[in-house]
C-alpha atoms as a PDB file:
ATOM      1  CA  MET A   1     107.408 100.176 115.369  1.00  0.00           C
ATOM      2  CA  MET A   2     108.058 103.478 116.992  1.00  0.00           C
ATOM      3  CA  ALA A   3     104.819 103.465 118.972  1.00  0.00           C
ATOM      4  CA  SER A   4     105.020 101.765 122.307  1.00  0.00           C
ATOM      5  CA  LEU A   5     101.975  99.507 122.218  1.00  0.00           C
ATOM      6  CA  SER A   6     101.584  96.198 123.939  1.00  0.00           C
ATOM      7  CA  GLU A   7     101.241  93.135 121.724  1.00  0.00           C
ATOM      8  CA  GLU A   8      97.516  92.998 122.523  1.00  0.00           C
ATOM      9  CA  ASP A   9      96.954  96.670 121.719  1.00  0.00           C
ATOM     10  CA  LEU A  10      98.920  96.351 118.498  1.00  0.00           C
ATOM     11  CA  ALA A  11      96.924  93.282 117.453  1.00  0.00           C
ATOM     12  CA  ALA A  12      93.652  95.100 118.186  1.00  0.00           C
ATOM     13  CA  HIS A  13      94.821  98.136 116.215  1.00  0.00           C
ATOM     14  CA  ILE A  14      95.833  96.007 113.222  1.00  0.00           C
ATOM     15  CA  ASP A  15      92.540  94.118 113.344  1.00  0.00           C
ATOM     16  CA  GLY A  16      90.584  97.380 113.363  1.00  0.00           C
ATOM     17  CA  LEU A  17      92.636  98.792 110.516  1.00  0.00           C
ATOM     18  CA  VAL A  18      92.182  95.716 108.332  1.00  0.00           C
ATOM     19  CA  THR A  19      88.454  95.604 109.084  1.00  0.00           C
ATOM     20  CA  THR A  20      88.091  99.238 108.061  1.00  0.00           C
ATOM     21  CA  LEU A  21      90.110  98.721 104.889  1.00  0.00           C
ATOM     22  CA  VAL A  22      88.014  95.734 103.830  1.00  0.00           C
ATOM     23  CA  ASP A  23      84.509  96.594 105.032  1.00  0.00           C
ATOM     24  CA  GLU A  24      84.370 100.348 104.621  1.00  0.00           C
ATOM     25  CA  ASN A  25      87.002 101.311 102.077  1.00  0.00           C
ATOM     26  CA  LYS A  26      86.978  98.140  99.948  1.00  0.00           C
ATOM     27  CA  ASP A  27      90.763  98.522  99.729  1.00  0.00           C
ATOM     28  CA  TYR A  28      91.580  94.848  99.410  1.00  0.00           C
ATOM     29  CA  VAL A  29      95.117  95.416  98.160  1.00  0.00           C
ATOM     30  CA  ALA A  30      96.132  97.477 101.202  1.00  0.00           C
ATOM     31  CA  ALA A  31      94.556  94.913 103.526  1.00  0.00           C
ATOM     32  CA  ALA A  32      96.386  92.129 101.684  1.00  0.00           C
ATOM     33  CA  THR A  33      99.673  93.971 102.168  1.00  0.00           C
ATOM     34  CA  ILE A  34      99.093  94.114 105.918  1.00  0.00           C
ATOM     35  CA  TYR A  35      98.248  90.416 106.041  1.00  0.00           C
ATOM     36  CA  ALA A  36     101.276  89.419 103.967  1.00  0.00           C
ATOM     37  CA  ASP A  37     103.928  91.769 105.325  1.00  0.00           C
ATOM     38  CA  HIS A  38     102.947  92.218 108.958  1.00  0.00           C
ATOM     39  CA  LEU A  39     100.736  89.294 109.941  1.00  0.00           C
ATOM     40  CA  HIS A  40     102.484  86.740 107.682  1.00  0.00           C
ATOM     41  CA  ASP A  41      99.108  85.269 106.680  1.00  0.00           C
ATOM     42  CA  ILE A  42      99.783  84.569 103.027  1.00  0.00           C
ATOM     43  CA  VAL A  43      96.556  82.686 102.321  1.00  0.00           C
ATOM     44  CA  THR A  44      94.336  85.504 103.597  1.00  0.00           C
ATOM     45  CA  ALA A  45      96.452  88.023 101.716  1.00  0.00           C
ATOM     46  CA  ALA A  46      95.983  86.045  98.489  1.00  0.00           C
ATOM     47  CA  ARG A  47      92.225  85.833  99.040  1.00  0.00           C
ATOM     48  CA  LEU A  48      92.048  89.592  99.528  1.00  0.00           C
ATOM     49  CA  LEU A  49      94.081  90.176  96.390  1.00  0.00           C
ATOM     50  CA  CYS A  50      91.588  88.027  94.477  1.00  0.00           C
ATOM     51  CA  ARG A  51      88.706  90.070  95.915  1.00  0.00           C
ATOM     52  CA  GLY A  52      90.486  93.103  94.510  1.00  0.00           C
ATOM     53  CA  SER A  53      90.817  91.403  91.093  1.00  0.00           C
ATOM     54  CA  LYS A  54      94.585  91.075  91.462  1.00  0.00           C
ATOM     55  CA  PHE A  55      94.718  87.412  90.474  1.00  0.00           C
ATOM     56  CA  ALA A  56      98.262  87.453  89.109  1.00  0.00           C
ATOM     57  CA  ASP A  57      99.539  89.106  92.292  1.00  0.00           C
ATOM     58  CA  ALA A  58      97.739  86.492  94.396  1.00  0.00           C
ATOM     59  CA  ALA A  59      99.250  83.655  92.353  1.00  0.00           C
ATOM     60  CA  ARG A  60     102.702  85.214  92.601  1.00  0.00           C
ATOM     61  CA  LEU A  61     102.411  85.632  96.378  1.00  0.00           C
ATOM     62  CA  LEU A  62     101.285  82.041  96.878  1.00  0.00           C
ATOM     63  CA  THR A  63     104.036  80.731  94.625  1.00  0.00           C
ATOM     64  CA  LEU A  64     106.736  82.761  96.377  1.00  0.00           C
ATOM     65  CA  HIS A  65     105.669  81.281  99.703  1.00  0.00           C
ATOM     66  CA  GLY A  66     105.563  77.660  98.581  1.00  0.00           C
ATOM     67  CA  LYS A  67     101.802  77.360  98.262  1.00  0.00           C
ATOM     68  CA  GLN A  68     101.673  76.522  94.546  1.00  0.00           C
ATOM     69  CA  SER A  69      98.979  73.909  95.158  1.00  0.00           C
ATOM     70  CA  MET A  70      96.530  76.716  96.003  1.00  0.00           C
ATOM     71  CA  VAL A  71      96.955  78.338  92.597  1.00  0.00           C
ATOM     72  CA  VAL A  72      94.265  77.073  90.264  1.00  0.00           C
END
């Protein structure tokens, strides 16, 4: 991160970005990438991938992170 934002400002910025990606742009894959890579929320990332019809990617992500039981 080259921008000097406080943790709170960064969290608010990320939340706004993800909300825009999901609600306005319907870009579930980009939102999933943010959740997986930056927020480390694998379950939410997998759910977003499924919303974007990327079922194999969601299963792969869950499996890589030891959450095989969530793959149906």
